[in-house]
């Protein structure tokens, strides 16, 4: 096994795998965006989730209220 593959495998050992369902349209848009940005689909999704959680945390710290129950749950778990 090459050194790069070994490091990639080690980096993923502390991560969980999660399955989500996306509409065909959203999936296609994300695949195209990943190609345009020259990143893997997995890295694009991971970065988007991390960005979203960062915004939620900032909103919570700034006292911003939300109308979305799902959003509120994510903010509370941050």
Foldseek 3Di string as FASTA:
>chain_A
DDPVVVVVVVVCPPDDDDDDDDDPVVVVVLCVVCVVVVHDSVVSVVVVVVVLLVVLCVCVVVVNDDPDPVSVVSSVVD
